[in-house]
PDB file of N, CA and C in Angstrom:
ATOM      1  N   UNK A   1     109.749-137.858  76.360  1.00  0.00           N
ATOM      2  CA  UNK A   1     109.888-138.780  75.252  1.00  0.00           C
ATOM      3  C   UNK A   1     111.339-139.224  75.163  1.00  0.00           C
ATOM      4  N   UNK A   2     111.542-140.504  75.070  1.00  0.00           N
ATOM      5  CA  UNK A   2     112.891-141.051  74.969  1.00  0.00           C
ATOM      6  C   UNK A   2     113.317-141.110  73.514  1.00  0.00           C
ATOM      7  N   UNK A   3     114.584-140.810  73.290  1.00  0.00           N
ATOM      8  CA  UNK A   3     115.089-140.899  71.925  1.00  0.00           C
ATOM      9  C   UNK A   3     115.337-142.360  71.580  1.00  0.00           C
ATOM     10  N   UNK A   4     115.402-142.623  70.306  1.00  0.00           N
ATOM     11  CA  UNK A   4     115.668-143.986  69.866  1.00  0.00           C
ATOM     12  C   UNK A   4     117.110-144.344  70.149  1.00  0.00           C
ATOM     13  N   UNK A   5     117.332-145.569  70.541  1.00  0.00           N
ATOM     14  CA  UNK A   5     118.673-146.067  70.831  1.00  0.00           C
ATOM     15  C   UNK A   5     119.466-146.121  69.532  1.00  0.00           C
ATOM     16  N   UNK A   6     120.674-145.531  69.513  1.00  0.00           N
ATOM     17  CA  UNK A   6     121.470-145.639  68.292  1.00  0.00           C
ATOM     18  C   UNK A   6     121.905-147.084  68.102  1.00  0.00           C
ATOM     19  N   UNK A   7     121.841-147.543  66.887  1.00  0.00           N
ATOM     20  CA  UNK A   7     122.225-148.925  66.615  1.00  0.00           C
ATOM     21  C   UNK A   7     123.426-148.949  65.689  1.00  0.00           C
ATOM     22  N   UNK A   8     124.308-149.863  65.974  1.00  0.00           N
ATOM     23  CA  UNK A   8     125.504-150.053  65.177  1.00  0.00           C
ATOM     24  C   UNK A   8     125.585-151.521  64.814  1.00  0.00           C
ATOM     25  N   UNK A   9     126.133-151.785  63.640  1.00  0.00           N
ATOM     26  CA  UNK A   9     126.400-153.168  63.289  1.00  0.00           C
ATOM     27  C   UNK A   9     127.458-153.692  64.259  1.00  0.00           C
ATOM     28  N   UNK A  10     127.189-154.816  64.856  1.00  0.00           N
ATOM     29  CA  UNK A  10     128.117-155.395  65.825  1.00  0.00           C
ATOM     30  C   UNK A  10     128.495-156.789  65.346  1.00  0.00           C
ATOM     31  N   UNK A  11     129.795-156.976  65.153  1.00  0.00           N
ATOM     32  CA  UNK A  11     130.282-158.286  64.726  1.00  0.00           C
ATOM     33  C   UNK A  11     129.985-159.302  65.828  1.00  0.00           C
ATOM     34  N   UNK A  12     129.604-160.516  65.464  1.00  0.00           N
ATOM     35  CA  UNK A  12     129.286-161.532  66.476  1.00  0.00           C
ATOM     36  C   UNK A  12     130.360-161.712  67.555  1.00  0.00           C
ATOM     37  N   UNK A  13     131.660-161.698  67.217  1.00  0.00           N
ATOM     38  CA  UNK A  13     132.655-161.835  68.291  1.00  0.00           C
ATOM     39  C   UNK A  13     132.604-160.658  69.286  1.00  0.00           C
ATOM     40  N   UNK A  14     132.365-159.452  68.766  1.00  0.00           N
ATOM     41  CA  UNK A  14     132.253-158.287  69.661  1.00  0.00           C
ATOM     42  C   UNK A  14     131.024-158.395  70.546  1.00  0.00           C
ATOM     43  N   UNK A  15     129.930-158.864  69.994  1.00  0.00           N
ATOM     44  CA  UNK A  15     128.696-159.021  70.777  1.00  0.00           C
ATOM     45  C   UNK A  15     128.924-160.043  71.901  1.00  0.00           C
ATOM     46  N   UNK A  16     129.574-161.159  71.570  1.00  0.00           N
ATOM     47  CA  UNK A  16     129.869-162.172  72.593  1.00  0.00           C
ATOM     48  C   UNK A  16     130.802-161.605  73.662  1.00  0.00           C
ATOM     49  N   UNK A  17     131.800-160.845  73.237  1.00  0.00           N
ATOM     50  CA  UNK A  17     132.738-160.251  74.181  1.00  0.00           C
ATOM     51  C   UNK A  17     132.029-159.252  75.104  1.00  0.00           C
ATOM     52  N   UNK A  18     131.142-158.452  74.556  1.00  0.00           N
ATOM     53  CA  UNK A  18     130.394-157.488  75.380  1.00  0.00           C
ATOM     54  C   UNK A  18     129.541-158.215  76.410  1.00  0.00           C
ATOM     55  N   UNK A  19     128.884-159.276  75.997  1.00  0.00           N
ATOM     56  CA  UNK A  19     128.067-160.059  76.942  1.00  0.00           C
ATOM     57  C   UNK A  19     128.934-160.640  78.055  1.00  0.00           C
ATOM     58  N   UNK A  20     130.096-161.158  77.684  1.00  0.00           N
ATOM     59  CA  UNK A  20     131.005-161.730  78.678  1.00  0.00           C
ATOM     60  C   UNK A  20     131.478-160.650  79.642  1.00  0.00           C
ATOM     61  N   UNK A  21     131.810-159.486  79.115  1.00  0.00           N
ATOM     62  CA  UNK A  21     132.315-158.395  79.954  1.00  0.00           C
ATOM     63  C   UNK A  21     131.256-157.877  80.928  1.00  0.00           C
ATOM     64  N   UNK A  22     129.978-157.974  80.558  1.00  0.00           N
ATOM     65  CA  UNK A  22     128.910-157.541  81.456  1.00  0.00           C
ATOM     66  C   UNK A  22     128.849-158.404  82.713  1.00  0.00           C
ATOM     67  N   UNK A  23     129.347-159.618  82.602  1.00  0.00           N
ATOM     68  CA  UNK A  23     129.287-160.558  83.728  1.00  0.00           C
ATOM     69  C   UNK A  23     130.492-160.445  84.651  1.00  0.00           C
ATOM     70  N   UNK A  24     131.550-159.781  84.227  1.00  0.00           N
ATOM     71  CA  UNK A  24     132.775-159.721  85.021  1.00  0.00           C
ATOM     72  C   UNK A  24     133.235-158.276  85.229  1.00  0.00           C
ATOM     73  N   UNK A  25     132.399-157.471  85.833  1.00  0.00           N
ATOM     74  CA  UNK A  25     132.753-156.081  86.096  1.00  0.00           C
ATOM     75  C   UNK A  25     133.830-155.995  87.174  1.00  0.00           C
ATOM     76  N   UNK A  26     134.708-155.007  87.058  1.00  0.00           N
ATOM     77  CA  UNK A  26     135.664-154.740  88.131  1.00  0.00           C
ATOM     78  C   UNK A  26     134.908-154.121  89.300  1.00  0.00           C
ATOM     79  N   UNK A  27     135.561-154.023  90.452  1.00  0.00           N
ATOM     80  CA  UNK A  27     134.915-153.397  91.608  1.00  0.00           C
ATOM     81  C   UNK A  27     134.502-151.961  91.309  1.00  0.00           C
ATOM     82  N   UNK A  28     135.386-151.210  90.641  1.00  0.00           N
ATOM     83  CA  UNK A  28     135.066-149.820  90.308  1.00  0.00           C
ATOM     84  C   UNK A  28     133.900-149.748  89.320  1.00  0.00           C
ATOM     85  N   UNK A  29     133.899-150.619  88.311  1.00  0.00           N
ATOM     86  CA  UNK A  29     132.790-150.632  87.350  1.00  0.00           C
ATOM     87  C   UNK A  29     131.478-150.982  88.045  1.00  0.00           C
ATOM     88  N   UNK A  30     131.517-151.943  88.956  1.00  0.00           N
ATOM     89  CA  UNK A  30     130.308-152.321  89.684  1.00  0.00           C
ATOM     90  C   UNK A  30     129.816-151.166  90.562  1.00  0.00           C
ATOM     91  N   UNK A  31     130.726-150.449  91.180  1.00  0.00           N
ATOM     92  CA  UNK A  31     130.361-149.292  91.997  1.00  0.00           C
ATOM     93  C   UNK A  31     129.658-148.239  91.140  1.00  0.00           C
ATOM     94  N   UNK A  32     130.250-147.924  89.978  1.00  0.00           N
ATOM     95  CA  UNK A  32     129.633-146.937  89.084  1.00  0.00           C
ATOM     96  C   UNK A  32     128.284-147.447  88.579  1.00  0.00           C
ATOM     97  N   UNK A  33     128.229-148.709  88.164  1.00  0.00           N
ATOM     98  CA  UNK A  33     126.992-149.284  87.642  1.00  0.00           C
ATOM     99  C   UNK A  33     125.873-149.210  88.676  1.00  0.00           C
ATOM    100  N   UNK A  34     126.197-149.523  89.929  1.00  0.00           N
ATOM    101  CA  UNK A  34     125.170-149.454  90.975  1.00  0.00           C
ATOM    102  C   UNK A  34     124.670-148.034  91.199  1.00  0.00           C
ATOM    103  N   UNK A  35     125.490-147.045  90.891  1.00  0.00           N
ATOM    104  CA  UNK A  35     125.074-145.643  91.041  1.00  0.00           C
ATOM    105  C   UNK A  35     124.204-145.164  89.887  1.00  0.00           C
ATOM    106  N   UNK A  36     124.376-145.750  88.698  1.00  0.00           N
ATOM    107  CA  UNK A  36     123.672-145.220  87.520  1.00  0.00           C
ATOM    108  C   UNK A  36     122.625-146.158  86.938  1.00  0.00           C
ATOM    109  N   UNK A  37     122.627-147.427  87.341  1.00  0.00           N
ATOM    110  CA  UNK A  37     121.705-148.384  86.733  1.00  0.00           C
ATOM    111  C   UNK A  37     120.254-148.018  87.047  1.00  0.00           C
ATOM    112  N   UNK A  38     119.368-148.469  86.219  1.00  0.00           N
ATOM    113  CA  UNK A  38     117.920-148.276  86.411  1.00  0.00           C
ATOM    114  C   UNK A  38     117.565-146.804  86.590  1.00  0.00           C
ATOM    115  N   UNK A  39     118.262-145.943  85.859  1.00  0.00           N
ATOM    116  CA  UNK A  39     117.972-144.494  85.860  1.00  0.00           C
ATOM    117  C   UNK A  39     118.137-143.867  87.238  1.00  0.00           C
ATOM    118  N   UNK A  40     119.020-144.409  88.071  1.00  0.00           N
ATOM    119  CA  UNK A  40     119.213-143.909  89.437  1.00  0.00           C
ATOM    120  C   UNK A  40     119.870-142.541  89.488  1.00  0.00           C
ATOM    121  N   UNK A  41     120.627-142.185  88.472  1.00  0.00           N
ATOM    122  CA  UNK A  41     121.314-140.899  88.472  1.00  0.00           C
ATOM    123  C   UNK A  41     120.456-139.880  87.730  1.00  0.00           C
ATOM    124  N   UNK A  42     119.546-139.258  88.475  1.00  0.00           N
ATOM    125  CA  UNK A  42     118.660-138.212  87.954  1.00  0.00           C
ATOM    126  C   UNK A  42     117.966-138.616  86.649  1.00  0.00           C
ATOM    127  N   UNK A  43     117.600-139.874  86.538  1.00  0.00           N
ATOM    128  CA  UNK A  43     116.833-140.343  85.394  1.00  0.00           C
ATOM    129  C   UNK A  43     117.633-140.672  84.148  1.00  0.00           C
ATOM    130  N   UNK A  44     118.966-140.562  84.203  1.00  0.00           N
ATOM    131  CA  UNK A  44     119.781-140.874  83.029  1.00  0.00           C
ATOM    132  C   UNK A  44     119.808-142.382  82.796  1.00  0.00           C
ATOM    133  N   UNK A  45     119.637-142.773  81.562  1.00  0.00           N
ATOM    134  CA  UNK A  45     119.658-144.192  81.210  1.00  0.00           C
ATOM    135  C   UNK A  45     121.026-144.596  80.701  1.00  0.00           C
ATOM    136  N   UNK A  46     121.687-145.469  81.435  1.00  0.00           N
ATOM    137  CA  UNK A  46     123.001-145.961  81.049  1.00  0.00           C
ATOM    138  C   UNK A  46     122.917-147.419  80.643  1.00  0.00           C
ATOM    139  N   UNK A  47     123.778-147.788  79.710  1.00  0.00           N
ATOM    140  CA  UNK A  47     123.975-149.188  79.340  1.00  0.00           C
ATOM    141  C   UNK A  47     125.426-149.528  79.617  1.00  0.00           C
ATOM    142  N   UNK A  48     125.685-150.755  80.019  1.00  0.00           N
ATOM    143  CA  UNK A  48     127.065-151.152  80.303  1.00  0.00           C
ATOM    144  C   UNK A  48     127.593-152.047  79.201  1.00  0.00           C
ATOM    145  N   UNK A  49     128.883-151.926  78.977  1.00  0.00           N
ATOM    146  CA  UNK A  49     129.584-152.709  77.956  1.00  0.00           C
ATOM    147  C   UNK A  49     128.829-152.662  76.630  1.00  0.00           C
ATOM    148  N   UNK A  50     128.595-151.459  76.165  1.00  0.00           N
ATOM    149  CA  UNK A  50     127.805-151.245  74.946  1.00  0.00           C
ATOM    150  C   UNK A  50     128.725-151.184  73.719  1.00  0.00           C
ATOM    151  N   UNK A  51     128.451-152.004  72.714  1.00  0.00           N
ATOM    152  CA  UNK A  51     129.234-151.913  71.473  1.00  0.00           C
ATOM    153  C   UNK A  51     128.862-150.653  70.689  1.00  0.00           C
ATOM    154  N   UNK A  52     129.886-149.889  70.315  1.00  0.00           N
ATOM    155  CA  UNK A  52     129.695-148.696  69.492  1.00  0.00           C
ATOM    156  C   UNK A  52     130.818-148.658  68.463  1.00  0.00           C
ATOM    157  N   UNK A  53     130.463-148.724  67.215  1.00  0.00           N
ATOM    158  CA  UNK A  53     131.408-148.556  66.101  1.00  0.00           C
ATOM    159  C   UNK A  53     132.655-149.428  66.232  1.00  0.00           C
ATOM    160  N   UNK A  54     132.480-150.677  66.589  1.00  0.00           N
ATOM    161  CA  UNK A  54     133.605-151.589  66.687  1.00  0.00           C
ATOM    162  C   UNK A  54     134.304-151.594  68.038  1.00  0.00           C
ATOM    163  N   UNK A  55     133.906-150.704  68.927  1.00  0.00           N
ATOM    164  CA  UNK A  55     134.470-150.649  70.271  1.00  0.00           C
ATOM    165  C   UNK A  55     133.420-151.135  71.261  1.00  0.00           C
ATOM    166  N   UNK A  56     133.873-151.558  72.424  1.00  0.00           N
ATOM    167  CA  UNK A  56     132.953-151.858  73.515  1.00  0.00           C
ATOM    168  C   UNK A  56     133.271-150.857  74.618  1.00  0.00           C
ATOM    169  N   UNK A  57     132.343-149.933  74.856  1.00  0.00           N
ATOM    170  CA  UNK A  57     132.572-148.906  75.866  1.00  0.00           C
ATOM    171  C   UNK A  57     132.053-149.394  77.204  1.00  0.00           C
ATOM    172  N   UNK A  58     132.672-148.926  78.288  1.00  0.00           N
ATOM    173  CA  UNK A  58     132.272-149.383  79.617  1.00  0.00           C
ATOM    174  C   UNK A  58     130.815-149.035  79.905  1.00  0.00           C
ATOM    175  N   UNK A  59     130.472-147.755  79.777  1.00  0.00           N
ATOM    176  CA  UNK A  59     129.113-147.289  80.056  1.00  0.00           C
ATOM    177  C   UNK A  59     128.736-146.225  79.043  1.00  0.00           C
ATOM    178  N   UNK A  60     127.494-146.283  78.578  1.00  0.00           N
ATOM    179  CA  UNK A  60     127.022-145.290  77.621  1.00  0.00           C
ATOM    180  C   UNK A  60     125.638-144.813  78.021  1.00  0.00           C
ATOM    181  N   UNK A  61     125.445-143.520  77.878  1.00  0.00           N
ATOM    182  CA  UNK A  61     124.136-142.902  78.068  1.00  0.00           C
ATOM    183  C   UNK A  61     123.711-142.409  76.680  1.00  0.00           C
ATOM    184  N   UNK A  62     123.011-143.260  75.924  1.00  0.00           N
ATOM    185  CA  UNK A  62     122.694-142.931  74.535  1.00  0.00           C
ATOM    186  C   UNK A  62     121.888-141.648  74.352  1.00  0.00           C
ATOM    187  N   UNK A  63     120.989-141.329  75.275  1.00  0.00           N
ATOM    188  CA  UNK A  63     120.171-140.123  75.119  1.00  0.00           C
ATOM    189  C   UNK A  63     121.017-138.853  75.078  1.00  0.00           C
ATOM    190  N   UNK A  64     122.175-138.888  75.710  1.00  0.00           N
ATOM    191  CA  UNK A  64     123.051-137.713  75.762  1.00  0.00           C
ATOM    192  C   UNK A  64     124.371-137.939  75.030  1.00  0.00           C
ATOM    193  N   UNK A  65     124.482-139.036  74.319  1.00  0.00           N
ATOM    194  CA  UNK A  65     125.714-139.391  73.601  1.00  0.00           C
ATOM    195  C   UNK A  65     126.928-139.242  74.513  1.00  0.00           C
ATOM    196  N   UNK A  66     126.817-139.826  75.696  1.00  0.00           N
ATOM    197  CA  UNK A  66     127.871-139.745  76.700  1.00  0.00           C
ATOM    198  C   UNK A  66     128.418-141.138  76.994  1.00  0.00           C
ATOM    199  N   UNK A  67     129.726-141.238  77.041  1.00  0.00           N
ATOM    200  CA  UNK A  67     130.410-142.483  77.376  1.00  0.00           C
ATOM    201  C   UNK A  67     131.223-142.239  78.636  1.00  0.00           C
ATOM    202  N   UNK A  68     131.141-143.166  79.578  1.00  0.00           N
ATOM    203  CA  UNK A  68     131.971-143.124  80.778  1.00  0.00           C
ATOM    204  C   UNK A  68     132.866-144.354  80.776  1.00  0.00           C
ATOM    205  N   UNK A  69     134.156-144.112  80.755  1.00  0.00           N
ATOM    206  CA  UNK A  69     135.143-145.185  80.798  1.00  0.00           C
ATOM    207  C   UNK A  69     135.758-145.203  82.195  1.00  0.00           C
ATOM    208  N   UNK A  70     135.832-146.382  82.795  1.00  0.00           N
ATOM    209  CA  UNK A  70     136.442-146.556  84.106  1.00  0.00           C
ATOM    210  C   UNK A  70     137.770-147.274  83.875  1.00  0.00           C
ATOM    211  N   UNK A  71     138.863-146.562  84.078  1.00  0.00           N
ATOM    212  CA  UNK A  71     140.178-147.072  83.710  1.00  0.00           C
ATOM    213  C   UNK A  71     140.976-147.583  84.905  1.00  0.00           C
ATOM    214  N   UNK A  72     141.481-148.779  84.749  1.00  0.00           N
ATOM    215  CA  UNK A  72     142.353-149.375  85.749  1.00  0.00           C
ATOM    216  C   UNK A  72     143.813-149.140  85.387  1.00  0.00           C
ATOM    217  N   UNK A  73     144.718-149.808  86.090  1.00  0.00           N
ATOM    218  CA  UNK A  73     146.148-149.611  85.878  1.00  0.00           C
ATOM    219  C   UNK A  73     146.622-149.936  84.461  1.00  0.00           C
ATOM    220  N   UNK A  74     145.907-150.789  83.752  1.00  0.00           N
ATOM    221  CA  UNK A  74     146.344-151.157  82.396  1.00  0.00           C
ATOM    222  C   UNK A  74     146.229-149.990  81.415  1.00  0.00           C
ATOM    223  N   UNK A  75     145.609-148.905  81.820  1.00  0.00           N
ATOM    224  CA  UNK A  75     145.430-147.744  80.933  1.00  0.00           C
ATOM    225  C   UNK A  75     146.472-146.658  81.187  1.00  0.00           C
ATOM    226  N   UNK A  76     147.529-146.956  81.958  1.00  0.00           N
ATOM    227  CA  UNK A  76     148.465-145.903  82.344  1.00  0.00           C
ATOM    228  C   UNK A  76     149.780-145.900  81.579  1.00  0.00           C
ATOM    229  N   UNK A  77     150.067-146.939  80.794  1.00  0.00           N
ATOM    230  CA  UNK A  77     151.332-146.904  80.047  1.00  0.00           C
ATOM    231  C   UNK A  77     151.131-146.126  78.748  1.00  0.00           C
ATOM    232  N   UNK A  78     152.239-145.727  78.142  1.00  0.00           N
ATOM    233  CA  UNK A  78     152.189-144.855  76.964  1.00  0.00           C
ATOM    234  C   UNK A  78     151.399-145.449  75.801  1.00  0.00           C
ATOM    235  N   UNK A  79     151.546-146.742  75.579  1.00  0.00           N
ATOM    236  CA  UNK A  79     150.838-147.402  74.472  1.00  0.00           C
ATOM    237  C   UNK A  79     149.333-147.361  74.726  1.00  0.00           C
ATOM    238  N   UNK A  80     148.913-147.673  75.941  1.00  0.00           N
ATOM    239  CA  UNK A  80     147.481-147.667  76.274  1.00  0.00           C
ATOM    240  C   UNK A  80     146.914-146.257  76.207  1.00  0.00           C
ATOM    241  N   UNK A  81     147.678-145.277  76.654  1.00  0.00           N
ATOM    242  CA  UNK A  81     147.213-143.886  76.608  1.00  0.00           C
ATOM    243  C   UNK A  81     146.995-143.455  75.166  1.00  0.00           C
ATOM    244  N   UNK A  82     147.933-143.795  74.293  1.00  0.00           N
ATOM    245  CA  UNK A  82     147.796-143.444  72.870  1.00  0.00           C
ATOM    246  C   UNK A  82     146.615-144.172  72.240  1.00  0.00           C
ATOM    247  N   UNK A  83     146.442-145.443  72.566  1.00  0.00           N
ATOM    248  CA  UNK A  83     145.322-146.220  72.025  1.00  0.00           C
ATOM    249  C   UNK A  83     143.987-145.638  72.495  1.00  0.00           C
ATOM    250  N   UNK A  84     143.901-145.297  73.792  1.00  0.00           N
ATOM    251  CA  UNK A  84     142.671-144.703  74.324  1.00  0.00           C
ATOM    252  C   UNK A  84     142.386-143.355  73.670  1.00  0.00           C
ATOM    253  N   UNK A  85     143.425-142.551  73.436  1.00  0.00           N
ATOM    254  CA  UNK A  85     143.235-141.236  72.810  1.00  0.00           C
ATOM    255  C   UNK A  85     142.704-141.387  71.386  1.00  0.00           C
ATOM    256  N   UNK A  86     143.253-142.342  70.638  1.00  0.00           N
ATOM    257  CA  UNK A  86     142.774-142.574  69.264  1.00  0.00           C
ATOM    258  C   UNK A  86     141.325-143.060  69.276  1.00  0.00           C
ATOM    259  N   UNK A  87     141.019-143.938  70.186  1.00  0.00           N
ATOM    260  CA  UNK A  87     139.646-144.457  70.330  1.00  0.00           C
ATOM    261  C   UNK A  87     138.682-143.327  70.678  1.00  0.00           C
ATOM    262  N   UNK A  88     139.079-142.475  71.639  1.00  0.00           N
ATOM    263  CA  UNK A  88     138.236-141.350  72.044  1.00  0.00           C
ATOM    264  C   UNK A  88     138.004-140.386  70.882  1.00  0.00           C
ATOM    265  N   UNK A  89     139.056-140.123  70.093  1.00  0.00           N
ATOM    266  CA  UNK A  89     138.903-139.241  68.921  1.00  0.00           C
ATOM    267  C   UNK A  89     137.882-139.821  67.958  1.00  0.00           C
ATOM    268  N   UNK A  90     137.978-141.114  67.692  1.00  0.00           N
ATOM    269  CA  UNK A  90     137.039-141.759  66.762  1.00  0.00           C
ATOM    270  C   UNK A  90     135.605-141.659  67.289  1.00  0.00           C
ATOM    271  N   UNK A  91     135.413-141.916  68.569  1.00  0.00           N
ATOM    272  CA  UNK A  91     134.066-141.836  69.151  1.00  0.00           C
ATOM    273  C   UNK A  91     133.543-140.398  69.141  1.00  0.00           C
ATOM    274  N   UNK A  92     134.435-139.426  69.378  1.00  0.00           N
ATOM    275  CA  UNK A  92     134.011-138.018  69.315  1.00  0.00           C
ATOM    276  C   UNK A  92     133.557-137.651  67.902  1.00  0.00           C
ATOM    277  N   UNK A  93     134.247-138.173  66.900  1.00  0.00           N
ATOM    278  CA  UNK A  93     133.847-137.902  65.511  1.00  0.00           C
ATOM    279  C   UNK A  93     132.443-138.435  65.221  1.00  0.00           C
ATOM    280  N   UNK A  94     132.034-139.446  65.965  1.00  0.00           N
ATOM    281  CA  UNK A  94     130.685-140.002  65.815  1.00  0.00           C
ATOM    282  C   UNK A  94     129.657-139.269  66.693  1.00  0.00           C
ATOM    283  N   UNK A  95     130.118-138.228  67.404  1.00  0.00           N
ATOM    284  CA  UNK A  95     129.204-137.423  68.202  1.00  0.00           C
ATOM    285  C   UNK A  95     129.113-137.799  69.674  1.00  0.00           C
ATOM    286  N   UNK A  96     129.994-138.662  70.156  1.00  0.00           N
ATOM    287  CA  UNK A  96     129.971-139.079  71.550  1.00  0.00           C
ATOM    288  C   UNK A  96     130.933-138.235  72.369  1.00  0.00           C
ATOM    289  N   UNK A  97     130.563-137.960  73.593  1.00  0.00           N
ATOM    290  CA  UNK A  97     131.442-137.272  74.548  1.00  0.00           C
ATOM    291  C   UNK A  97     131.984-138.346  75.488  1.00  0.00           C
ATOM    292  N   UNK A  98     133.310-138.466  75.559  1.00  0.00           N
ATOM    293  CA  UNK A  98     133.928-139.528  76.352  1.00  0.00           C
ATOM    294  C   UNK A  98     134.510-138.947  77.638  1.00  0.00           C
ATOM    295  N   UNK A  99     134.078-139.502  78.766  1.00  0.00           N
ATOM    296  CA  UNK A  99     134.643-139.151  80.069  1.00  0.00           C
ATOM    297  C   UNK A  99     135.455-140.342  80.549  1.00  0.00           C
ATOM    298  N   UNK A 100     136.623-140.072  81.100  1.00  0.00           N
ATOM    299  CA  UNK A 100     137.465-141.137  81.652  1.00  0.00           C
ATOM    300  C   UNK A 100     137.684-140.879  83.132  1.00  0.00           C
ATOM    301  N   UNK A 101     137.448-141.922  83.915  1.00  0.00           N
ATOM    302  CA  UNK A 101     137.660-141.872  85.352  1.00  0.00           C
ATOM    303  C   UNK A 101     138.559-143.036  85.739  1.00  0.00           C
ATOM    304  N   UNK A 102     139.417-142.808  86.713  1.00  0.00           N
ATOM    305  CA  UNK A 102     140.247-143.907  87.207  1.00  0.00           C
ATOM    306  C   UNK A 102     139.434-144.747  88.188  1.00  0.00           C
ATOM    307  N   UNK A 103     139.897-145.964  88.423  1.00  0.00           N
ATOM    308  CA  UNK A 103     139.251-146.806  89.428  1.00  0.00           C
ATOM    309  C   UNK A 103     139.179-146.076  90.761  1.00  0.00           C
ATOM    310  N   UNK A 104     140.282-145.400  91.148  1.00  0.00           N
ATOM    311  CA  UNK A 104     140.310-144.673  92.417  1.00  0.00           C
ATOM    312  C   UNK A 104     139.284-143.548  92.453  1.00  0.00           C
ATOM    313  N   UNK A 105     139.127-142.826  91.337  1.00  0.00           N
ATOM    314  CA  UNK A 105     138.103-141.772  91.283  1.00  0.00           C
ATOM    315  C   UNK A 105     136.743-142.343  91.661  1.00  0.00           C
ATOM    316  N   UNK A 106     136.411-143.470  91.067  1.00  0.00           N
ATOM    317  CA  UNK A 106     135.090-144.064  91.275  1.00  0.00           C
ATOM    318  C   UNK A 106     134.937-144.624  92.681  1.00  0.00           C
ATOM    319  N   UNK A 107     135.939-145.352  93.156  1.00  0.00           N
ATOM    320  CA  UNK A 107     135.786-146.000  94.461  1.00  0.00           C
ATOM    321  C   UNK A 107     135.928-145.034  95.627  1.00  0.00           C
ATOM    322  N   UNK A 108     136.693-143.955  95.443  1.00  0.00           N
ATOM    323  CA  UNK A 108     136.920-143.022  96.556  1.00  0.00           C
ATOM    324  C   UNK A 108     136.140-141.716  96.451  1.00  0.00           C
ATOM    325  N   UNK A 109     135.705-141.369  95.241  1.00  0.00           N
ATOM    326  CA  UNK A 109     135.047-140.070  95.034  1.00  0.00           C
ATOM    327  C   UNK A 109     133.827-140.216  94.120  1.00  0.00           C
ATOM    328  N   UNK A 110     133.002-141.210  94.385  1.00  0.00           N
ATOM    329  CA  UNK A 110     131.859-141.499  93.517  1.00  0.00           C
ATOM    330  C   UNK A 110     130.926-140.304  93.378  1.00  0.00           C
ATOM    331  N   UNK A 111     130.686-139.580  94.461  1.00  0.00           N
ATOM    332  CA  UNK A 111     129.793-138.426  94.400  1.00  0.00           C
ATOM    333  C   UNK A 111     130.327-137.378  93.417  1.00  0.00           C
ATOM    334  N   UNK A 112     131.636-137.151  93.441  1.00  0.00           N
ATOM    335  CA  UNK A 112     132.244-136.195  92.510  1.00  0.00           C
ATOM    336  C   UNK A 112     132.146-136.691  91.066  1.00  0.00           C
ATOM    337  N   UNK A 113     132.338-137.981  90.867  1.00  0.00           N
ATOM    338  CA  UNK A 113     132.220-138.561  89.527  1.00  0.00           C
ATOM    339  C   UNK A 113     130.798-138.361  88.997  1.00  0.00           C
ATOM    340  N   UNK A 114     129.816-138.680  89.820  1.00  0.00           N
ATOM    341  CA  UNK A 114     128.415-138.531  89.401  1.00  0.00           C
ATOM    342  C   UNK A 114     128.067-137.063  89.150  1.00  0.00           C
ATOM    343  N   UNK A 115     128.575-136.178  89.985  1.00  0.00           N
ATOM    344  CA  UNK A 115     128.342-134.744  89.794  1.00  0.00           C
ATOM    345  C   UNK A 115     128.917-134.292  88.465  1.00  0.00           C
ATOM    346  N   UNK A 116     130.114-134.770  88.133  1.00  0.00           N
ATOM    347  CA  UNK A 116     130.730-134.399  86.859  1.00  0.00           C
ATOM    348  C   UNK A 116     129.893-134.896  85.680  1.00  0.00           C
ATOM    349  N   UNK A 117     129.429-136.121  85.752  1.00  0.00           N
ATOM    350  CA  UNK A 117     128.564-136.667  84.694  1.00  0.00           C
ATOM    351  C   UNK A 117     127.337-135.776  84.517  1.00  0.00           C
ATOM    352  N   UNK A 118     126.706-135.414  85.608  1.00  0.00           N
ATOM    353  CA  UNK A 118     125.500-134.583  85.539  1.00  0.00           C
ATOM    354  C   UNK A 118     125.790-133.212  84.954  1.00  0.00           C
ATOM    355  N   UNK A 119     126.909-132.636  85.319  1.00  0.00           N
ATOM    356  CA  UNK A 119     127.266-131.314  84.768  1.00  0.00           C
ATOM    357  C   UNK A 119     127.506-131.395  83.265  1.00  0.00           C
ATOM    358  N   UNK A 120     128.152-132.469  82.828  1.00  0.00           N
ATOM    359  CA  UNK A 120     128.432-132.616  81.401  1.00  0.00           C
ATOM    360  C   UNK A 120     127.131-132.711  80.595  1.00  0.00           C
ATOM    361  N   UNK A 121     126.127-133.384  81.134  1.00  0.00           N
ATOM    362  CA  UNK A 121     124.857-133.503  80.407  1.00  0.00           C
ATOM    363  C   UNK A 121     123.924-132.326  80.682  1.00  0.00           C
ATOM    364  N   UNK A 122     124.374-131.396  81.519  1.00  0.00           N
ATOM    365  CA  UNK A 122     123.587-130.183  81.747  1.00  0.00           C
ATOM    366  C   UNK A 122     122.586-130.278  82.872  1.00  0.00           C
ATOM    367  N   UNK A 123     122.778-131.225  83.788  1.00  0.00           N
ATOM    368  CA  UNK A 123     121.898-131.345  84.941  1.00  0.00           C
ATOM    369  C   UNK A 123     122.670-130.944  86.186  1.00  0.00           C
ATOM    370  N   UNK A 124     121.960-130.558  87.214  1.00  0.00           N
ATOM    371  CA  UNK A 124     122.602-130.180  88.464  1.00  0.00           C
ATOM    372  C   UNK A 124     122.265-131.211  89.518  1.00  0.00           C
ATOM    373  N   UNK A 125     123.251-131.621  90.272  1.00  0.00           N
ATOM    374  CA  UNK A 125     123.067-132.617  91.321  1.00  0.00           C
ATOM    375  C   UNK A 125     122.470-131.924  92.547  1.00  0.00           C
ATOM    376  N   UNK A 126     121.282-132.341  92.996  1.00  0.00           N
ATOM    377  CA  UNK A 126     120.596-131.609  94.066  1.00  0.00           C
ATOM    378  C   UNK A 126     121.310-131.654  95.417  1.00  0.00           C
ATOM    379  N   UNK A 127     122.151-132.636  95.652  1.00  0.00           N
ATOM    380  CA  UNK A 127     122.818-132.749  96.937  1.00  0.00           C
ATOM    381  C   UNK A 127     124.070-131.896  97.042  1.00  0.00           C
ATOM    382  N   UNK A 128     124.486-131.259  95.943  1.00  0.00           N
ATOM    383  CA  UNK A 128     125.717-130.476  95.918  1.00  0.00           C
ATOM    384  C   UNK A 128     125.418-129.002  96.119  1.00  0.00           C
ATOM    385  N   UNK A 129     126.398-128.298  96.647  1.00  0.00           N
ATOM    386  CA  UNK A 129     126.261-126.854  96.845  1.00  0.00           C
ATOM    387  C   UNK A 129     126.903-126.112  95.707  1.00  0.00           C
TER     388      UNK A 129
END
C-alpha cells in the first residue's frame, strides 16, 4: 500500500519555477534521475524538483520522507553552505531526511550514491557485498 503524497501549499511562482527546473536538469541530476525514475531503485518512488514548504528540492521520495540534493559548484562557498544548512534544518524539522551529493559523486560513483540512499531508507542493494 502506498502512502498518500504529502501536499504543501505552493505559491504559483514556485510551481512555475519547479516546472521550468524539471526541463533543464544538469548532467548529474539527469544521471541520478535516470537511476531512480519509474521506481527503478528497488521500487522507491522519487519525484524531481518537488516543492516542499517553500523550497524546491532536487529529488524527493515522499514514502520515506527522503530528499536527495545534487550540488554543483555553486554550493561550495560559505554563503551557499550556510543557506543550504538552514534549509536542511527547516526540512528536517518537517520530518524530511536530506542527503547531499556532489555532481562528481553522482557522475563518478552512482552505484555508491544509490547504495547510500538504499541504506538510509533501510533497504539493501542486492548487487553490493
